[in-house]
Amino acid sequence: MFARYWHSRWTEARRSWRLYWQLYLLVILPVLYFVVFKYVPISNAVIAFKDYNVIKGPWGSDWVGFKNFEMFFANPVFGTLLKNTFILAFYLVLASFPIPIILAIALNEIRDGWFKRSVQMITYAPYFISTVVVVSMTILILSPRIGLVNDTLGLFGIPAVDFLGDPHYFRHIYVWSDVWQTTGYSAVIYMAALAGIDPALHEAAKIDGATRLQRIRHVDIPGIMPTAVIILVLGVGNMMAIGFEKAYLLQNDLNLAQSEIIPTYVYKTGLINADFSTATAVGLFNSVVNLCLLLFVNVAAKRVTGKGLWG
């Protein structure tokens, strides 16, 4: 019976290949990318449970069990790292989720094609600026001596503020620079979802006497809700994988109390201090927390809205 099942499956696969071989050829390169750069490296995560030795390699090194995890959990910085990462990630999701929706709905209501295209271009363009350039611009704008912000404050008699030297400003700088950079790109996804809403729904709402705000509330928002739920679930699922580059580039000795997060700690531990086993253990812990958050939010979203990542 087992052999018969696999024979039928093989026959079905061969038939599918003959019918759709062009589509399979298109998928081969993306699949190879994920296999080579995503799935194969997962096997080397075993060094999180070993005392990694470069000469012996990942599989020849001595097993130490959960020693690397225990060392990380016992480290005095563990609580600070976890708190900083969670607060920064939650703040980023909270700020970056609703703004693209608001922008997309506002652009969808604009009838002036020239103005609409101009706003789209202006808000979309920052997405193509590299993180290094964005951080350089941020440092220059917020500089206490030559920065535009402090020059403006000086006109009102307010003394210069060292924004990058005060740890209390770090999260706000990180989050709102990221919102500025990604809002236009994220809004495109919602505009595509809005374009897929049946115009007959708006016509019916107009006939019933619905105002523009009522049509947005009862037609547009429900229409983009499945897309919004998926993006929210993915955003929360990637909370612990918050961008390393910007945090590291904005980091200095003065704001370290809030700018030190798990990704920057992994970089310093693994590449700068060459403690690969501990760095891998911390990274693996980070990934497990990400997975738990993704599954939890997906279940919660499905119960509340009836929509989730898997239907």
C-alpha atoms as a PDB file:
ATOM      1  CA  MET A   1       0.000   0.000   0.000  1.00  0.00           C
ATOM      2  CA  PHE A   2       2.884   2.353   0.849  1.00  0.00           C
ATOM      3  CA  ALA A   3       4.605   1.595  -2.482  1.00  0.00           C
ATOM      4  CA  ARG A   4       1.340   2.148  -4.355  1.00  0.00           C
ATOM      5  CA  TYR A   5       0.871   5.540  -2.690  1.00  0.00           C
ATOM      6  CA  TRP A   6       4.316   6.778  -3.663  1.00  0.00           C
ATOM      7  CA  HIS A   7       3.925   5.389  -7.180  1.00  0.00           C
ATOM      8  CA  SER A   8       0.728   7.404  -7.633  1.00  0.00           C
ATOM      9  CA  ARG A   9       2.384  10.502  -6.223  1.00  0.00           C
ATOM     10  CA  TRP A  10       5.359  10.092  -8.580  1.00  0.00           C
ATOM     11  CA  THR A  11       3.035   9.642 -11.549  1.00  0.00           C
ATOM     12  CA  GLU A  12       1.122  12.766 -10.567  1.00  0.00           C
ATOM     13  CA  ALA A  13       4.380  14.731 -10.208  1.00  0.00           C
ATOM     14  CA  ARG A  14       5.590  13.656 -13.661  1.00  0.00           C
ATOM     15  CA  ARG A  15       2.262  14.657 -15.183  1.00  0.00           C
ATOM     16  CA  SER A  16       2.418  18.034 -13.446  1.00  0.00           C
ATOM     17  CA  TRP A  17       5.969  18.574 -14.729  1.00  0.00           C
ATOM     18  CA  ARG A  18       4.937  17.842 -18.326  1.00  0.00           C
ATOM     19  CA  LEU A  19       2.041  20.297 -18.103  1.00  0.00           C
ATOM     20  CA  TYR A  20       3.714  23.132 -16.203  1.00  0.00           C
ATOM     21  CA  TRP A  21       7.463  22.676 -16.807  1.00  0.00           C
ATOM     22  CA  GLN A  22       7.900  26.371 -17.664  1.00  0.00           C
ATOM     23  CA  LEU A  23       6.604  27.388 -14.235  1.00  0.00           C
ATOM     24  CA  TYR A  24       8.869  24.875 -12.496  1.00  0.00           C
ATOM     25  CA  LEU A  25      11.886  26.288 -14.346  1.00  0.00           C
ATOM     26  CA  LEU A  26      11.012  29.761 -13.075  1.00  0.00           C
ATOM     27  CA  VAL A  27      10.879  28.474  -9.497  1.00  0.00           C
ATOM     28  CA  ILE A  28      14.215  26.600  -9.599  1.00  0.00           C
ATOM     29  CA  LEU A  29      16.491  29.624  -8.987  1.00  0.00           C
ATOM     30  CA  PRO A  30      14.511  31.026  -6.010  1.00  0.00           C
ATOM     31  CA  VAL A  31      14.346  27.549  -4.477  1.00  0.00           C
ATOM     32  CA  LEU A  32      18.106  27.079  -4.923  1.00  0.00           C
ATOM     33  CA  TYR A  33      18.707  30.462  -3.285  1.00  0.00           C
ATOM     34  CA  PHE A  34      16.717  29.500  -0.189  1.00  0.00           C
ATOM     35  CA  VAL A  35      18.290  26.041  -0.012  1.00  0.00           C
ATOM     36  CA  VAL A  36      21.884  27.278  -0.335  1.00  0.00           C
ATOM     37  CA  PHE A  37      21.698  30.498   1.699  1.00  0.00           C
ATOM     38  CA  LYS A  38      18.898  29.725   4.183  1.00  0.00           C
ATOM     39  CA  TYR A  39      18.406  26.015   4.839  1.00  0.00           C
ATOM     40  CA  VAL A  40      21.947  24.655   4.494  1.00  0.00           C
ATOM     41  CA  PRO A  41      23.379  27.199   6.999  1.00  0.00           C
ATOM     42  CA  ILE A  42      20.757  26.078   9.531  1.00  0.00           C
ATOM     43  CA  SER A  43      22.722  22.849   9.993  1.00  0.00           C
ATOM     44  CA  ASN A  44      25.683  24.865  11.311  1.00  0.00           C
ATOM     45  CA  ALA A  45      23.529  26.215  14.140  1.00  0.00           C
ATOM     46  CA  VAL A  46      24.702  23.093  15.964  1.00  0.00           C
ATOM     47  CA  ILE A  47      27.724  25.103  17.169  1.00  0.00           C
ATOM     48  CA  ALA A  48      25.367  26.763  19.657  1.00  0.00           C
ATOM     49  CA  PHE A  49      25.580  23.477  21.577  1.00  0.00           C
ATOM     50  CA  LYS A  50      29.341  23.067  21.136  1.00  0.00           C
ATOM     51  CA  ASP A  51      32.630  24.636  22.147  1.00  0.00           C
ATOM     52  CA  TYR A  52      33.377  25.663  18.587  1.00  0.00           C
ATOM     53  CA  ASN A  53      36.912  25.207  17.334  1.00  0.00           C
ATOM     54  CA  VAL A  54      37.794  26.596  13.914  1.00  0.00           C
ATOM     55  CA  ILE A  55      40.238  23.758  13.195  1.00  0.00           C
ATOM     56  CA  LYS A  56      37.826  20.962  14.204  1.00  0.00           C
ATOM     57  CA  GLY A  57      34.880  22.551  12.429  1.00  0.00           C
ATOM     58  CA  PRO A  58      31.181  22.630  13.412  1.00  0.00           C
ATOM     59  CA  TRP A  59      30.778  18.865  13.617  1.00  0.00           C
ATOM     60  CA  GLY A  60      34.166  17.995  15.109  1.00  0.00           C
ATOM     61  CA  SER A  61      34.011  20.427  18.025  1.00  0.00           C
ATOM     62  CA  ASP A  62      33.226  19.198  21.533  1.00  0.00           C
ATOM     63  CA  TRP A  63      29.606  19.127  22.746  1.00  0.00           C
ATOM     64  CA  VAL A  64      28.807  21.354  25.730  1.00  0.00           C
ATOM     65  CA  GLY A  65      25.017  21.027  25.734  1.00  0.00           C
ATOM     66  CA  PHE A  66      23.172  24.145  26.883  1.00  0.00           C
ATOM     67  CA  LYS A  67      26.245  25.746  28.454  1.00  0.00           C
ATOM     68  CA  ASN A  68      26.308  28.660  25.977  1.00  0.00           C
ATOM     69  CA  PHE A  69      22.629  29.393  26.591  1.00  0.00           C
ATOM     70  CA  GLU A  70      23.096  29.233  30.366  1.00  0.00           C
ATOM     71  CA  MET A  71      26.025  31.651  30.147  1.00  0.00           C
ATOM     72  CA  PHE A  72      23.944  34.095  28.135  1.00  0.00           C
ATOM     73  CA  PHE A  73      20.941  33.876  30.489  1.00  0.00           C
ATOM     74  CA  ALA A  74      23.232  34.352  33.496  1.00  0.00           C
ATOM     75  CA  ASN A  75      24.963  37.343  31.898  1.00  0.00           C
ATOM     76  CA  PRO A  76      24.015  40.606  33.679  1.00  0.00           C
ATOM     77  CA  VAL A  77      23.308  42.247  30.296  1.00  0.00           C
ATOM     78  CA  PHE A  78      20.677  39.639  29.339  1.00  0.00           C
ATOM     79  CA  GLY A  79      17.748  41.525  30.875  1.00  0.00           C
ATOM     80  CA  THR A  80      18.867  44.841  29.389  1.00  0.00           C
ATOM     81  CA  LEU A  81      19.318  43.346  25.925  1.00  0.00           C
ATOM     82  CA  LEU A  82      15.910  41.690  26.002  1.00  0.00           C
ATOM     83  CA  LYS A  83      14.185  44.846  27.274  1.00  0.00           C
ATOM     84  CA  ASN A  84      15.893  47.131  24.744  1.00  0.00           C
ATOM     85  CA  THR A  85      15.109  44.810  21.846  1.00  0.00           C
ATOM     86  CA  PHE A  86      11.459  44.305  22.796  1.00  0.00           C
ATOM     87  CA  ILE A  87      10.762  47.990  23.467  1.00  0.00           C
ATOM     88  CA  LEU A  88      12.463  49.174  20.265  1.00  0.00           C
ATOM     89  CA  ALA A  89      10.813  46.484  18.137  1.00  0.00           C
ATOM     90  CA  PHE A  90       7.356  47.050  19.634  1.00  0.00           C
ATOM     91  CA  TYR A  91       7.698  50.820  19.207  1.00  0.00           C
ATOM     92  CA  LEU A  92       8.721  50.313  15.570  1.00  0.00           C
ATOM     93  CA  VAL A  93       5.761  48.025  14.785  1.00  0.00           C
ATOM     94  CA  LEU A  94       3.349  50.347  16.600  1.00  0.00           C
ATOM     95  CA  ALA A  95       4.546  53.394  14.647  1.00  0.00           C
ATOM     96  CA  SER A  96       5.166  51.835  11.231  1.00  0.00           C
ATOM     97  CA  PHE A  97       1.943  49.796  10.920  1.00  0.00           C
ATOM     98  CA  PRO A  98      -0.862  52.419  10.800  1.00  0.00           C
ATOM     99  CA  ILE A  99       0.937  55.258   8.972  1.00  0.00           C
ATOM    100  CA  PRO A 100       1.240  53.491   5.571  1.00  0.00           C
ATOM    101  CA  ILE A 101      -2.465  52.587   5.776  1.00  0.00           C
ATOM    102  CA  ILE A 102      -3.397  56.206   6.428  1.00  0.00           C
ATOM    103  CA  LEU A 103      -1.157  57.384   3.564  1.00  0.00           C
ATOM    104  CA  ALA A 104      -2.568  54.788   1.147  1.00  0.00           C
ATOM    105  CA  ILE A 105      -6.180  55.685   1.978  1.00  0.00           C
ATOM    106  CA  ALA A 106      -5.415  59.415   1.669  1.00  0.00           C
ATOM    107  CA  LEU A 107      -3.743  58.920  -1.726  1.00  0.00           C
ATOM    108  CA  ASN A 108      -6.607  56.717  -2.867  1.00  0.00           C
ATOM    109  CA  GLU A 109      -9.052  59.559  -2.165  1.00  0.00           C
ATOM    110  CA  ILE A 110      -7.062  62.135  -4.149  1.00  0.00           C
ATOM    111  CA  ARG A 111      -8.477  62.754  -7.611  1.00  0.00           C
ATOM    112  CA  ASP A 112      -5.717  65.100  -8.856  1.00  0.00           C
ATOM    113  CA  GLY A 113      -3.432  62.729 -10.774  1.00  0.00           C
ATOM    114  CA  TRP A 114      -0.411  65.066 -10.850  1.00  0.00           C
ATOM    115  CA  PHE A 115      -0.498  65.757  -7.101  1.00  0.00           C
ATOM    116  CA  LYS A 116      -1.103  62.082  -6.310  1.00  0.00           C
ATOM    117  CA  ARG A 117       1.866  60.919  -8.397  1.00  0.00           C
ATOM    118  CA  SER A 118       4.108  63.599  -6.882  1.00  0.00           C
ATOM    119  CA  VAL A 119       3.266  62.583  -3.311  1.00  0.00           C
ATOM    120  CA  GLN A 120       3.785  58.916  -4.182  1.00  0.00           C
ATOM    121  CA  MET A 121       7.188  59.619  -5.684  1.00  0.00           C
ATOM    122  CA  ILE A 122       8.319  61.813  -2.769  1.00  0.00           C
ATOM    123  CA  THR A 123       7.243  59.297  -0.120  1.00  0.00           C
ATOM    124  CA  TYR A 124       8.494  56.256  -2.051  1.00  0.00           C
ATOM    125  CA  ALA A 125      11.967  57.632  -2.923  1.00  0.00           C
ATOM    126  CA  PRO A 126      13.539  57.350   0.584  1.00  0.00           C
ATOM    127  CA  TYR A 127      13.139  53.569   0.433  1.00  0.00           C
ATOM    128  CA  PHE A 128      15.968  53.432  -2.128  1.00  0.00           C
ATOM    129  CA  ILE A 129      18.404  55.302   0.116  1.00  0.00           C
ATOM    130  CA  SER A 130      20.814  52.937   1.823  1.00  0.00           C
ATOM    131  CA  THR A 131      20.809  52.624   5.599  1.00  0.00           C
ATOM    132  CA  VAL A 132      24.338  54.034   5.808  1.00  0.00           C
ATOM    133  CA  VAL A 133      23.289  57.181   3.939  1.00  0.00           C
ATOM    134  CA  VAL A 134      20.144  57.572   6.065  1.00  0.00           C
ATOM    135  CA  VAL A 135      22.199  57.326   9.258  1.00  0.00           C
ATOM    136  CA  SER A 136      24.746  59.826   7.910  1.00  0.00           C
ATOM    137  CA  MET A 137      21.933  62.254   7.073  1.00  0.00           C
ATOM    138  CA  THR A 138      20.427  61.755  10.533  1.00  0.00           C
ATOM    139  CA  ILE A 139      23.735  62.417  12.281  1.00  0.00           C
ATOM    140  CA  LEU A 140      24.297  65.608  10.269  1.00  0.00           C
ATOM    141  CA  ILE A 141      20.754  66.907  10.785  1.00  0.00           C
ATOM    142  CA  LEU A 142      20.856  66.237  14.540  1.00  0.00           C
ATOM    143  CA  SER A 143      24.429  67.399  15.114  1.00  0.00           C
ATOM    144  CA  PRO A 144      24.633  69.712  18.166  1.00  0.00           C
ATOM    145  CA  ARG A 145      27.002  72.123  16.349  1.00  0.00           C
ATOM    146  CA  ILE A 146      26.014  72.197  12.664  1.00  0.00           C
ATOM    147  CA  GLY A 147      22.705  70.303  12.642  1.00  0.00           C
ATOM    148  CA  LEU A 148      19.605  71.819  11.062  1.00  0.00           C
ATOM    149  CA  VAL A 149      17.425  70.888  14.057  1.00  0.00           C
ATOM    150  CA  ASN A 150      19.659  72.600  16.608  1.00  0.00           C
ATOM    151  CA  ASP A 151      20.076  75.639  14.345  1.00  0.00           C
ATOM    152  CA  THR A 152      16.284  75.930  14.246  1.00  0.00           C
ATOM    153  CA  LEU A 153      16.029  75.551  18.027  1.00  0.00           C
ATOM    154  CA  GLY A 154      18.674  78.250  18.407  1.00  0.00           C
ATOM    155  CA  LEU A 155      16.420  80.735  16.592  1.00  0.00           C
ATOM    156  CA  PHE A 156      13.971  80.384  19.482  1.00  0.00           C
ATOM    157  CA  GLY A 157      16.638  80.694  22.148  1.00  0.00           C
ATOM    158  CA  ILE A 158      16.660  76.984  22.975  1.00  0.00           C
ATOM    159  CA  PRO A 159      20.150  75.609  23.752  1.00  0.00           C
ATOM    160  CA  ALA A 160      21.598  72.885  21.544  1.00  0.00           C
ATOM    161  CA  VAL A 161      20.627  69.308  22.347  1.00  0.00           C
ATOM    162  CA  ASP A 162      22.944  66.337  21.807  1.00  0.00           C
ATOM    163  CA  PHE A 163      20.254  64.022  20.446  1.00  0.00           C
ATOM    164  CA  LEU A 164      22.605  61.163  19.611  1.00  0.00           C
ATOM    165  CA  GLY A 165      24.422  61.466  22.928  1.00  0.00           C
ATOM    166  CA  ASP A 166      21.260  61.216  25.035  1.00  0.00           C
ATOM    167  CA  PRO A 167      20.029  57.598  25.289  1.00  0.00           C
ATOM    168  CA  HIS A 168      16.424  58.774  25.771  1.00  0.00           C
ATOM    169  CA  TYR A 169      16.304  60.042  22.181  1.00  0.00           C
ATOM    170  CA  PHE A 170      17.772  56.910  20.550  1.00  0.00           C
ATOM    171  CA  ARG A 171      14.519  54.966  20.116  1.00  0.00           C
ATOM    172  CA  HIS A 172      12.655  57.959  18.713  1.00  0.00           C
ATOM    173  CA  ILE A 173      15.452  58.671  16.220  1.00  0.00           C
ATOM    174  CA  TYR A 174      15.641  55.029  15.151  1.00  0.00           C
ATOM    175  CA  VAL A 175      11.894  54.519  14.766  1.00  0.00           C
ATOM    176  CA  TRP A 176      10.901  57.751  13.046  1.00  0.00           C
ATOM    177  CA  SER A 177      13.811  57.688  10.611  1.00  0.00           C
ATOM    178  CA  ASP A 178      12.710  54.177   9.703  1.00  0.00           C
ATOM    179  CA  VAL A 179       9.087  55.314   9.317  1.00  0.00           C
ATOM    180  CA  TRP A 180      10.230  58.118   7.014  1.00  0.00           C
ATOM    181  CA  GLN A 181      12.243  55.668   4.937  1.00  0.00           C
ATOM    182  CA  THR A 182       9.697  52.840   4.557  1.00  0.00           C
ATOM    183  CA  THR A 183       6.222  54.414   4.713  1.00  0.00           C
ATOM    184  CA  GLY A 184       5.963  55.150   0.983  1.00  0.00           C
ATOM    185  CA  TYR A 185       7.030  51.630   0.034  1.00  0.00           C
ATOM    186  CA  SER A 186       4.615  50.007   2.474  1.00  0.00           C
ATOM    187  CA  ALA A 187       1.761  52.235   1.278  1.00  0.00           C
ATOM    188  CA  VAL A 188       2.109  50.805  -2.247  1.00  0.00           C
ATOM    189  CA  ILE A 189       1.012  47.394  -0.952  1.00  0.00           C
ATOM    190  CA  TYR A 190      -2.131  48.861   0.587  1.00  0.00           C
ATOM    191  CA  MET A 191      -2.862  50.920  -2.520  1.00  0.00           C
ATOM    192  CA  ALA A 192      -2.743  47.717  -4.552  1.00  0.00           C
ATOM    193  CA  ALA A 193      -5.228  46.171  -2.120  1.00  0.00           C
ATOM    194  CA  LEU A 194      -7.462  49.254  -2.395  1.00  0.00           C
ATOM    195  CA  ALA A 195      -7.357  49.008  -6.192  1.00  0.00           C
ATOM    196  CA  GLY A 196      -8.771  45.493  -5.916  1.00  0.00           C
ATOM    197  CA  ILE A 197     -11.924  46.629  -4.095  1.00  0.00           C
ATOM    198  CA  ASP A 198     -15.030  46.362  -6.273  1.00  0.00           C
ATOM    199  CA  PRO A 199     -16.109  49.911  -7.342  1.00  0.00           C
ATOM    200  CA  ALA A 200     -19.725  48.733  -7.116  1.00  0.00           C
ATOM    201  CA  LEU A 201     -19.363  48.732  -3.330  1.00  0.00           C
ATOM    202  CA  HIS A 202     -18.533  52.442  -3.355  1.00  0.00           C
ATOM    203  CA  GLU A 203     -21.371  53.171  -5.779  1.00  0.00           C
ATOM    204  CA  ALA A 204     -23.824  51.318  -3.568  1.00  0.00           C
ATOM    205  CA  ALA A 205     -22.558  53.217  -0.520  1.00  0.00           C
ATOM    206  CA  LYS A 206     -23.001  56.541  -2.337  1.00  0.00           C
ATOM    207  CA  ILE A 207     -26.565  55.634  -3.276  1.00  0.00           C
ATOM    208  CA  ASP A 208     -27.254  54.832   0.386  1.00  0.00           C
ATOM    209  CA  GLY A 209     -26.029  58.324   1.301  1.00  0.00           C
ATOM    210  CA  ALA A 210     -22.692  57.337   2.853  1.00  0.00           C
ATOM    211  CA  THR A 211     -20.179  60.145   3.291  1.00  0.00           C
ATOM    212  CA  ARG A 212     -16.547  59.816   2.206  1.00  0.00           C
ATOM    213  CA  LEU A 213     -15.413  58.960   5.754  1.00  0.00           C
ATOM    214  CA  GLN A 214     -18.165  56.354   6.052  1.00  0.00           C
ATOM    215  CA  ARG A 215     -17.091  54.753   2.760  1.00  0.00           C
ATOM    216  CA  ILE A 216     -13.514  54.627   4.018  1.00  0.00           C
ATOM    217  CA  ARG A 217     -14.643  53.037   7.275  1.00  0.00           C
ATOM    218  CA  HIS A 218     -17.099  50.496   5.864  1.00  0.00           C
ATOM    219  CA  VAL A 219     -15.645  49.745   2.406  1.00  0.00           C
ATOM    220  CA  ASP A 220     -11.931  50.582   2.173  1.00  0.00           C
ATOM    221  CA  ILE A 221     -10.752  49.446   5.603  1.00  0.00           C
ATOM    222  CA  PRO A 222     -12.563  46.052   5.491  1.00  0.00           C
ATOM    223  CA  GLY A 223     -11.237  45.621   1.935  1.00  0.00           C
ATOM    224  CA  ILE A 224      -7.600  45.964   2.965  1.00  0.00           C
ATOM    225  CA  MET A 225      -7.981  44.172   6.299  1.00  0.00           C
ATOM    226  CA  PRO A 226      -6.680  40.764   5.067  1.00  0.00           C
ATOM    227  CA  THR A 227      -3.544  42.441   3.685  1.00  0.00           C
ATOM    228  CA  ALA A 228      -3.092  44.495   6.860  1.00  0.00           C
ATOM    229  CA  VAL A 229      -3.414  41.418   9.074  1.00  0.00           C
ATOM    230  CA  ILE A 230      -0.767  39.503   7.128  1.00  0.00           C
ATOM    231  CA  ILE A 231       1.650  42.455   7.218  1.00  0.00           C
ATOM    232  CA  LEU A 232       1.031  42.917  10.959  1.00  0.00           C
ATOM    233  CA  VAL A 233       1.626  39.222  11.672  1.00  0.00           C
ATOM    234  CA  LEU A 234       4.857  39.247   9.653  1.00  0.00           C
ATOM    235  CA  GLY A 235       5.934  42.490  11.329  1.00  0.00           C
ATOM    236  CA  VAL A 236       5.418  41.110  14.820  1.00  0.00           C
ATOM    237  CA  GLY A 237       7.039  37.826  13.779  1.00  0.00           C
ATOM    238  CA  ASN A 238      10.157  39.784  12.825  1.00  0.00           C
ATOM    239  CA  MET A 239      10.219  41.923  15.955  1.00  0.00           C
ATOM    240  CA  MET A 240      13.328  40.303  17.377  1.00  0.00           C
ATOM    241  CA  ALA A 241      15.056  40.455  13.977  1.00  0.00           C
ATOM    242  CA  ILE A 242      15.076  44.243  14.105  1.00  0.00           C
ATOM    243  CA  GLY A 243      17.533  45.914  11.749  1.00  0.00           C
ATOM    244  CA  PHE A 244      21.100  45.596  12.984  1.00  0.00           C
ATOM    245  CA  GLU A 245      22.765  48.099  10.653  1.00  0.00           C
ATOM    246  CA  LYS A 246      20.932  51.237  11.754  1.00  0.00           C
ATOM    247  CA  ALA A 247      21.163  50.395  15.459  1.00  0.00           C
ATOM    248  CA  TYR A 248      24.897  49.726  15.189  1.00  0.00           C
ATOM    249  CA  LEU A 249      25.611  52.850  13.128  1.00  0.00           C
ATOM    250  CA  LEU A 250      23.621  55.119  15.483  1.00  0.00           C
ATOM    251  CA  GLN A 251      25.218  53.520  18.528  1.00  0.00           C
ATOM    252  CA  ASN A 252      27.863  55.256  20.618  1.00  0.00           C
ATOM    253  CA  ASP A 253      29.219  55.047  24.152  1.00  0.00           C
ATOM    254  CA  LEU A 254      26.746  57.650  25.416  1.00  0.00           C
ATOM    255  CA  ASN A 255      23.515  56.007  24.217  1.00  0.00           C
ATOM    256  CA  LEU A 256      24.625  52.399  24.770  1.00  0.00           C
ATOM    257  CA  ALA A 257      22.128  51.966  27.611  1.00  0.00           C
ATOM    258  CA  GLN A 258      19.262  51.856  25.103  1.00  0.00           C
ATOM    259  CA  SER A 259      20.974  51.199  21.779  1.00  0.00           C
ATOM    260  CA  GLU A 260      22.518  47.846  22.711  1.00  0.00           C
ATOM    261  CA  ILE A 261      20.113  45.212  21.372  1.00  0.00           C
ATOM    262  CA  ILE A 262      20.447  41.499  20.686  1.00  0.00           C
ATOM    263  CA  PRO A 263      21.550  41.832  17.004  1.00  0.00           C
ATOM    264  CA  THR A 264      24.360  44.273  17.918  1.00  0.00           C
ATOM    265  CA  TYR A 265      25.378  42.032  20.826  1.00  0.00           C
ATOM    266  CA  VAL A 266      25.557  39.020  18.498  1.00  0.00           C
ATOM    267  CA  TYR A 267      27.756  40.975  16.076  1.00  0.00           C
ATOM    268  CA  LYS A 268      30.156  42.082  18.795  1.00  0.00           C
ATOM    269  CA  THR A 269      30.287  38.673  20.446  1.00  0.00           C
ATOM    270  CA  GLY A 270      30.650  36.623  17.264  1.00  0.00           C
ATOM    271  CA  LEU A 271      32.687  38.729  14.854  1.00  0.00           C
ATOM    272  CA  ILE A 272      34.570  41.161  17.077  1.00  0.00           C
ATOM    273  CA  ASN A 273      35.271  38.837  20.042  1.00  0.00           C
ATOM    274  CA  ALA A 274      35.295  35.658  17.896  1.00  0.00           C
ATOM    275  CA  ASP A 275      33.065  33.799  20.391  1.00  0.00           C
ATOM    276  CA  PHE A 276      31.104  32.010  17.674  1.00  0.00           C
ATOM    277  CA  SER A 277      29.379  29.484  19.920  1.00  0.00           C
ATOM    278  CA  THR A 278      27.875  32.076  22.247  1.00  0.00           C
ATOM    279  CA  ALA A 279      26.890  34.319  19.338  1.00  0.00           C
ATOM    280  CA  THR A 280      25.140  31.412  17.615  1.00  0.00           C
ATOM    281  CA  ALA A 281      23.340  30.479  20.840  1.00  0.00           C
ATOM    282  CA  VAL A 282      22.082  34.059  21.247  1.00  0.00           C
ATOM    283  CA  GLY A 283      21.033  34.187  17.592  1.00  0.00           C
ATOM    284  CA  LEU A 284      19.218  30.859  17.913  1.00  0.00           C
ATOM    285  CA  PHE A 285      17.416  32.069  21.029  1.00  0.00           C
ATOM    286  CA  ASN A 286      16.425  35.197  19.095  1.00  0.00           C
ATOM    287  CA  SER A 287      15.024  33.114  16.227  1.00  0.00           C
ATOM    288  CA  VAL A 288      13.014  30.873  18.566  1.00  0.00           C
ATOM    289  CA  VAL A 289      11.439  33.924  20.230  1.00  0.00           C
ATOM    290  CA  ASN A 290      10.631  35.281  16.762  1.00  0.00           C
ATOM    291  CA  LEU A 291       8.938  32.025  15.799  1.00  0.00           C
ATOM    292  CA  CYS A 292       6.884  31.964  19.018  1.00  0.00           C
ATOM    293  CA  LEU A 293       5.762  35.557  18.450  1.00  0.00           C
ATOM    294  CA  LEU A 294       4.806  34.783  14.856  1.00  0.00           C
ATOM    295  CA  LEU A 295       2.704  31.758  15.815  1.00  0.00           C
ATOM    296  CA  PHE A 296       1.068  33.555  18.747  1.00  0.00           C
ATOM    297  CA  VAL A 297       0.110  36.661  16.750  1.00  0.00           C
ATOM    298  CA  ASN A 298      -1.085  34.546  13.831  1.00  0.00           C
ATOM    299  CA  VAL A 299      -3.426  32.576  16.108  1.00  0.00           C
ATOM    300  CA  ALA A 300      -4.652  35.779  17.782  1.00  0.00           C
ATOM    301  CA  ALA A 301      -5.258  37.496  14.424  1.00  0.00           C
ATOM    302  CA  LYS A 302      -7.146  34.496  13.083  1.00  0.00           C
ATOM    303  CA  ARG A 303      -9.424  34.424  16.117  1.00  0.00           C
ATOM    304  CA  VAL A 304     -10.112  38.161  15.974  1.00  0.00           C
ATOM    305  CA  THR A 305     -10.405  38.724  12.208  1.00  0.00           C
ATOM    306  CA  GLY A 306     -10.742  35.222  10.782  1.00  0.00           C
ATOM    307  CA  LYS A 307      -7.623  35.798   8.657  1.00  0.00           C
ATOM    308  CA  GLY A 308      -4.094  34.518   9.137  1.00  0.00           C
ATOM    309  CA  LEU A 309      -0.945  33.558   7.273  1.00  0.00           C
ATOM    310  CA  TRP A 310      -2.314  30.153   6.380  1.00  0.00           C
ATOM    311  CA  GLY A 311      -5.885  31.119   5.578  1.00  0.00           C
END
